[in-house]
N, C-alpha and C. Protein backbone atom coordinates (compact mmCIF):
# COMPACT_ATOMS: atom_id res chain seq x y z
N UNK A 1 82.32 76.26 134.98
CA UNK A 1 80.94 75.84 134.97
C UNK A 1 80.54 75.46 133.56
N UNK A 2 80.00 74.34 133.41
CA UNK A 2 79.48 73.94 132.12
C UNK A 2 77.97 74.00 132.17
N UNK A 3 77.39 74.16 131.01
CA UNK A 3 75.93 74.24 130.97
C UNK A 3 75.39 73.12 130.10
N UNK A 4 74.17 72.85 130.22
CA UNK A 4 73.51 71.82 129.43
C UNK A 4 72.72 72.44 128.28
N UNK A 5 73.04 73.68 127.94
CA UNK A 5 72.34 74.39 126.86
C UNK A 5 72.80 73.83 125.53
N UNK A 6 71.86 73.63 124.63
CA UNK A 6 72.16 73.24 123.27
C UNK A 6 71.42 74.22 122.35
N UNK A 7 72.18 74.98 121.57
CA UNK A 7 71.59 76.03 120.73
C UNK A 7 71.96 75.74 119.29
N UNK A 8 70.98 75.80 118.39
CA UNK A 8 71.24 75.65 116.96
C UNK A 8 71.79 76.98 116.44
N UNK A 9 72.98 76.96 115.86
CA UNK A 9 73.63 78.17 115.34
C UNK A 9 74.07 77.92 113.91
N UNK A 10 74.41 78.99 113.23
CA UNK A 10 74.97 78.90 111.88
C UNK A 10 76.38 79.45 111.96
N UNK A 11 77.32 78.68 111.44
CA UNK A 11 78.73 79.08 111.47
C UNK A 11 78.91 80.36 110.65
N UNK A 12 79.58 81.33 111.22
CA UNK A 12 79.78 82.61 110.53
C UNK A 12 80.84 82.52 109.44
N UNK A 13 81.58 81.42 109.41
CA UNK A 13 82.59 81.28 108.37
C UNK A 13 82.10 80.42 107.21
N UNK A 14 81.64 79.21 107.51
CA UNK A 14 81.26 78.29 106.43
C UNK A 14 79.76 78.27 106.15
N UNK A 15 78.94 78.75 107.10
CA UNK A 15 77.50 78.83 106.87
C UNK A 15 76.73 77.57 107.21
N UNK A 16 77.38 76.55 107.73
CA UNK A 16 76.68 75.31 108.09
C UNK A 16 76.05 75.45 109.48
N UNK A 17 74.97 74.70 109.68
CA UNK A 17 74.33 74.72 111.00
C UNK A 17 75.06 73.75 111.93
N UNK A 18 75.11 74.10 113.21
CA UNK A 18 75.76 73.25 114.20
C UNK A 18 75.09 73.46 115.54
N UNK A 19 75.37 72.58 116.47
CA UNK A 19 74.80 72.68 117.80
C UNK A 19 75.84 73.27 118.74
N UNK A 20 75.55 74.46 119.25
CA UNK A 20 76.48 75.16 120.13
C UNK A 20 76.15 74.89 121.58
N UNK A 21 77.15 74.89 122.42
CA UNK A 21 76.95 74.66 123.85
C UNK A 21 76.87 75.97 124.64
N UNK A 22 77.23 77.08 124.00
CA UNK A 22 77.10 78.39 124.64
C UNK A 22 76.37 79.32 123.69
N UNK A 23 75.95 80.43 124.21
CA UNK A 23 75.20 81.37 123.38
C UNK A 23 76.10 82.31 122.59
N UNK A 24 77.39 82.27 122.84
CA UNK A 24 78.31 83.18 122.16
C UNK A 24 79.18 82.48 121.12
N UNK A 25 79.00 81.19 120.92
CA UNK A 25 79.78 80.44 119.94
C UNK A 25 79.44 80.93 118.54
N UNK A 26 80.47 81.23 117.75
CA UNK A 26 80.26 81.77 116.41
C UNK A 26 80.64 80.81 115.30
N UNK A 27 81.49 79.84 115.59
CA UNK A 27 82.01 78.95 114.55
C UNK A 27 81.72 77.50 114.91
N UNK A 28 81.62 76.65 113.88
CA UNK A 28 81.26 75.25 114.09
C UNK A 28 82.42 74.45 114.67
N UNK A 29 83.63 74.92 114.49
CA UNK A 29 84.75 74.17 115.01
C UNK A 29 86.02 74.99 115.00
N UNK A 30 87.10 74.33 115.40
CA UNK A 30 88.39 75.01 115.50
C UNK A 30 88.92 75.43 114.13
N UNK A 31 88.70 74.59 113.12
CA UNK A 31 89.20 74.91 111.78
C UNK A 31 88.55 76.18 111.23
N UNK A 32 87.23 76.30 111.38
CA UNK A 32 86.53 77.50 110.90
C UNK A 32 86.95 78.73 111.70
N UNK A 33 87.17 78.57 113.00
CA UNK A 33 87.60 79.69 113.82
C UNK A 33 88.98 80.19 113.37
N UNK A 34 89.88 79.27 113.09
CA UNK A 34 91.23 79.64 112.64
C UNK A 34 91.19 80.31 111.27
N UNK A 35 90.38 79.77 110.36
CA UNK A 35 90.29 80.37 109.03
C UNK A 35 89.66 81.77 109.10
N UNK A 36 88.65 81.92 109.94
CA UNK A 36 88.02 83.24 110.09
C UNK A 36 89.00 84.24 110.69
N UNK A 37 89.84 83.78 111.61
CA UNK A 37 90.85 84.64 112.21
C UNK A 37 91.83 85.12 111.14
N UNK A 38 92.26 84.19 110.28
CA UNK A 38 93.20 84.57 109.21
C UNK A 38 92.57 85.59 108.27
N UNK A 39 91.29 85.43 107.98
CA UNK A 39 90.59 86.39 107.12
C UNK A 39 90.52 87.76 107.79
N UNK A 40 90.22 87.79 109.12
CA UNK A 40 90.16 89.06 109.84
C UNK A 40 91.52 89.75 109.85
N UNK A 41 92.59 88.99 110.07
CA UNK A 41 93.93 89.57 110.09
C UNK A 41 94.29 90.10 108.71
N UNK A 42 93.99 89.33 107.66
CA UNK A 42 94.29 89.76 106.29
C UNK A 42 93.53 91.03 105.95
N UNK A 43 92.24 91.09 106.30
CA UNK A 43 91.44 92.29 106.02
C UNK A 43 91.95 93.50 106.79
N UNK A 44 92.41 93.28 108.02
CA UNK A 44 92.99 94.37 108.80
C UNK A 44 94.25 94.91 108.16
N UNK A 45 95.10 94.01 107.66
CA UNK A 45 96.32 94.45 106.98
C UNK A 45 95.99 95.21 105.71
N UNK A 46 95.01 94.74 104.95
CA UNK A 46 94.62 95.44 103.72
C UNK A 46 94.07 96.83 104.03
N UNK A 47 93.28 96.92 105.09
CA UNK A 47 92.72 98.22 105.48
C UNK A 47 93.81 99.20 105.90
N UNK A 48 94.77 98.72 106.70
CA UNK A 48 95.89 99.58 107.11
C UNK A 48 96.72 100.01 105.89
N UNK A 49 96.91 99.09 104.95
CA UNK A 49 97.66 99.41 103.74
C UNK A 49 96.93 100.48 102.93
N UNK A 50 95.61 100.37 102.82
CA UNK A 50 94.83 101.37 102.09
C UNK A 50 94.93 102.74 102.75
N UNK A 51 94.89 102.78 104.08
CA UNK A 51 95.01 104.05 104.81
C UNK A 51 96.39 104.67 104.58
N UNK A 52 97.44 103.84 104.63
CA UNK A 52 98.79 104.35 104.39
C UNK A 52 98.93 104.86 102.96
N UNK A 53 98.35 104.14 102.00
CA UNK A 53 98.42 104.56 100.60
C UNK A 53 97.73 105.90 100.40
N UNK A 54 96.55 106.07 101.00
CA UNK A 54 95.84 107.34 100.88
C UNK A 54 96.62 108.48 101.52
N UNK A 55 97.30 108.19 102.63
CA UNK A 55 98.12 109.22 103.27
C UNK A 55 99.28 109.63 102.37
N UNK A 56 99.89 108.67 101.71
CA UNK A 56 101.01 108.96 100.81
C UNK A 56 100.52 109.74 99.60
N UNK A 57 99.36 109.39 99.08
CA UNK A 57 98.81 110.09 97.91
C UNK A 57 98.44 111.52 98.25
N UNK A 58 97.85 111.74 99.41
CA UNK A 58 97.39 113.09 99.76
C UNK A 58 98.50 113.97 100.30
N UNK A 59 99.62 113.40 100.74
CA UNK A 59 100.71 114.20 101.31
C UNK A 59 101.27 115.23 100.32
N UNK A 60 101.59 114.87 99.07
CA UNK A 60 102.11 115.90 98.16
C UNK A 60 101.13 117.05 97.93
N UNK A 61 99.83 116.74 97.85
CA UNK A 61 98.84 117.79 97.63
C UNK A 61 98.77 118.72 98.83
N UNK A 62 98.89 118.19 100.03
CA UNK A 62 98.90 119.03 101.23
C UNK A 62 100.14 119.92 101.26
N UNK A 63 101.27 119.37 100.83
CA UNK A 63 102.51 120.16 100.79
C UNK A 63 102.39 121.28 99.76
N UNK A 64 101.77 121.00 98.62
CA UNK A 64 101.60 122.00 97.57
C UNK A 64 100.68 123.12 98.07
N UNK A 65 99.61 122.76 98.76
CA UNK A 65 98.66 123.76 99.25
C UNK A 65 99.29 124.66 100.31
N UNK A 66 100.32 124.19 100.98
CA UNK A 66 100.95 124.97 102.04
C UNK A 66 102.00 125.95 101.50
N UNK A 67 102.47 125.75 100.27
CA UNK A 67 103.52 126.60 99.72
C UNK A 67 102.95 127.95 99.26
N UNK A 68 103.78 129.00 99.36
CA UNK A 68 103.41 130.32 98.85
C UNK A 68 103.81 130.47 97.38
N UNK A 69 104.97 129.94 97.01
CA UNK A 69 105.44 129.98 95.63
C UNK A 69 105.46 128.56 95.08
N UNK A 70 104.89 128.39 93.89
CA UNK A 70 104.76 127.06 93.30
C UNK A 70 105.54 126.99 92.00
N UNK A 71 106.05 125.82 91.71
CA UNK A 71 106.69 125.59 90.42
C UNK A 71 105.61 125.26 89.39
N UNK A 72 106.00 125.20 88.14
CA UNK A 72 105.05 124.88 87.08
C UNK A 72 104.49 123.48 87.29
N UNK A 73 105.33 122.57 87.71
CA UNK A 73 104.89 121.20 87.96
C UNK A 73 103.87 121.15 89.11
N UNK A 74 104.12 121.93 90.16
CA UNK A 74 103.18 121.99 91.29
C UNK A 74 101.83 122.54 90.85
N UNK A 75 101.86 123.59 90.04
CA UNK A 75 100.62 124.20 89.55
C UNK A 75 99.87 123.21 88.67
N UNK A 76 100.59 122.48 87.83
CA UNK A 76 99.95 121.49 86.97
C UNK A 76 99.29 120.40 87.80
N UNK A 77 99.95 119.97 88.85
CA UNK A 77 99.37 118.96 89.72
C UNK A 77 98.17 119.51 90.48
N UNK A 78 98.25 120.74 90.90
CA UNK A 78 97.16 121.37 91.63
C UNK A 78 95.92 121.55 90.75
N UNK A 79 96.14 121.90 89.50
CA UNK A 79 95.04 122.12 88.56
C UNK A 79 94.62 120.84 87.83
N UNK A 80 95.32 119.75 88.06
CA UNK A 80 95.07 118.47 87.37
C UNK A 80 95.16 118.66 85.86
N UNK A 81 96.22 119.28 85.45
CA UNK A 81 96.44 119.51 84.02
C UNK A 81 97.91 119.21 83.70
N UNK A 82 98.31 119.51 82.49
CA UNK A 82 99.69 119.25 82.08
C UNK A 82 100.53 120.51 82.27
N UNK A 83 101.84 120.33 82.22
CA UNK A 83 102.73 121.48 82.33
C UNK A 83 102.58 122.40 81.13
N UNK A 84 102.32 121.83 79.96
CA UNK A 84 102.14 122.65 78.76
C UNK A 84 100.93 123.57 78.92
N UNK A 85 99.89 123.09 79.58
CA UNK A 85 98.71 123.93 79.82
C UNK A 85 99.07 125.10 80.72
N UNK A 86 99.88 124.84 81.74
CA UNK A 86 100.29 125.91 82.65
C UNK A 86 101.15 126.92 81.90
N UNK A 87 102.07 126.44 81.06
CA UNK A 87 102.88 127.36 80.26
C UNK A 87 102.00 128.17 79.31
N UNK A 88 100.95 127.57 78.76
CA UNK A 88 100.03 128.30 77.89
C UNK A 88 99.28 129.38 78.66
N UNK A 89 98.89 129.09 79.90
CA UNK A 89 98.23 130.09 80.74
C UNK A 89 99.17 131.24 81.07
N UNK A 90 100.44 130.92 81.28
CA UNK A 90 101.44 131.96 81.54
C UNK A 90 101.63 132.82 80.30
N UNK A 91 101.73 132.18 79.13
CA UNK A 91 101.94 132.92 77.88
C UNK A 91 100.75 133.80 77.53
N UNK A 92 99.54 133.35 77.85
CA UNK A 92 98.35 134.15 77.54
C UNK A 92 98.13 135.27 78.55
N UNK A 93 98.84 135.24 79.68
CA UNK A 93 98.70 136.30 80.67
C UNK A 93 97.67 135.99 81.74
N UNK A 94 97.08 134.82 81.71
CA UNK A 94 96.09 134.46 82.73
C UNK A 94 96.74 134.29 84.10
N UNK A 95 97.98 133.83 84.08
CA UNK A 95 98.74 133.64 85.32
C UNK A 95 100.04 134.42 85.20
N UNK A 96 100.36 135.20 86.21
CA UNK A 96 101.64 135.90 86.24
C UNK A 96 102.68 134.97 86.85
N UNK A 97 103.84 134.90 86.22
CA UNK A 97 104.89 134.01 86.71
C UNK A 97 106.20 134.78 86.75
N UNK A 98 107.11 134.30 87.59
CA UNK A 98 108.44 134.88 87.72
C UNK A 98 109.44 133.87 87.21
N UNK A 99 110.17 134.25 86.18
CA UNK A 99 111.15 133.34 85.61
C UNK A 99 112.50 133.65 86.24
N UNK A 100 112.94 132.78 87.13
CA UNK A 100 114.20 132.99 87.82
C UNK A 100 115.39 132.61 86.95
N UNK A 101 115.24 131.59 86.15
CA UNK A 101 116.29 131.15 85.23
C UNK A 101 115.61 130.41 84.09
N UNK A 102 116.42 129.86 83.20
CA UNK A 102 115.85 129.10 82.09
C UNK A 102 115.08 127.88 82.57
N UNK A 103 115.45 127.36 83.72
CA UNK A 103 114.87 126.11 84.19
C UNK A 103 113.96 126.28 85.41
N UNK A 104 113.80 127.50 85.89
CA UNK A 104 113.02 127.69 87.11
C UNK A 104 112.02 128.83 86.92
N UNK A 105 110.73 128.48 86.99
CA UNK A 105 109.65 129.46 86.93
C UNK A 105 108.79 129.28 88.16
N UNK A 106 108.54 130.37 88.87
CA UNK A 106 107.74 130.32 90.08
C UNK A 106 106.46 131.12 89.90
N UNK A 107 105.40 130.62 90.54
CA UNK A 107 104.09 131.24 90.45
C UNK A 107 103.57 131.40 91.87
N UNK A 108 103.04 132.59 92.17
CA UNK A 108 102.46 132.81 93.50
C UNK A 108 101.17 132.03 93.65
N UNK A 109 100.94 131.58 94.83
CA UNK A 109 99.71 130.85 95.13
C UNK A 109 98.49 131.74 94.91
N UNK A 110 98.62 133.03 95.20
CA UNK A 110 97.51 133.97 95.04
C UNK A 110 97.10 134.10 93.57
N UNK A 111 98.05 133.91 92.65
CA UNK A 111 97.73 133.98 91.22
C UNK A 111 96.78 132.84 90.81
N UNK A 112 96.99 131.69 91.40
CA UNK A 112 96.11 130.55 91.11
C UNK A 112 94.72 130.82 91.67
N UNK A 113 94.66 131.40 92.87
CA UNK A 113 93.37 131.74 93.46
C UNK A 113 92.65 132.79 92.63
N UNK A 114 93.38 133.79 92.09
CA UNK A 114 92.78 134.83 91.25
C UNK A 114 92.22 134.23 89.96
N UNK A 115 92.88 133.18 89.46
CA UNK A 115 92.43 132.54 88.23
C UNK A 115 90.99 132.02 88.38
N UNK A 116 90.67 131.53 89.57
CA UNK A 116 89.33 130.98 89.78
C UNK A 116 88.33 132.02 90.26
N UNK A 117 88.78 133.20 90.67
CA UNK A 117 87.86 134.23 91.10
C UNK A 117 87.31 135.02 89.93
N UNK A 118 87.94 134.93 88.78
CA UNK A 118 87.49 135.70 87.61
C UNK A 118 86.20 135.15 87.05
């Protein structure tokens, strides 16, 4: 069924006025419709990429929060500080740590929580 309706519309892509034959027409022509489609697809891909990036960024922090024993590097990342700061806190006695070897120092998660309760 065709209609004899003529409606003045503004193209949602280029912004020019045009005469539409239906009330749901959004674009002035095929070229604007195709370009708008490409923009929608591109924006969808960018949005999905941003969501994936945020998931990758937050994954290590979630893993750190789930651990009972943390390394110095994990504690530094959790506190948003440097490893030297964590070693200084250990040396001052603010945080109790267990030195398993020359290269491995572990800190209980509860020690970090106690640091903020004081």
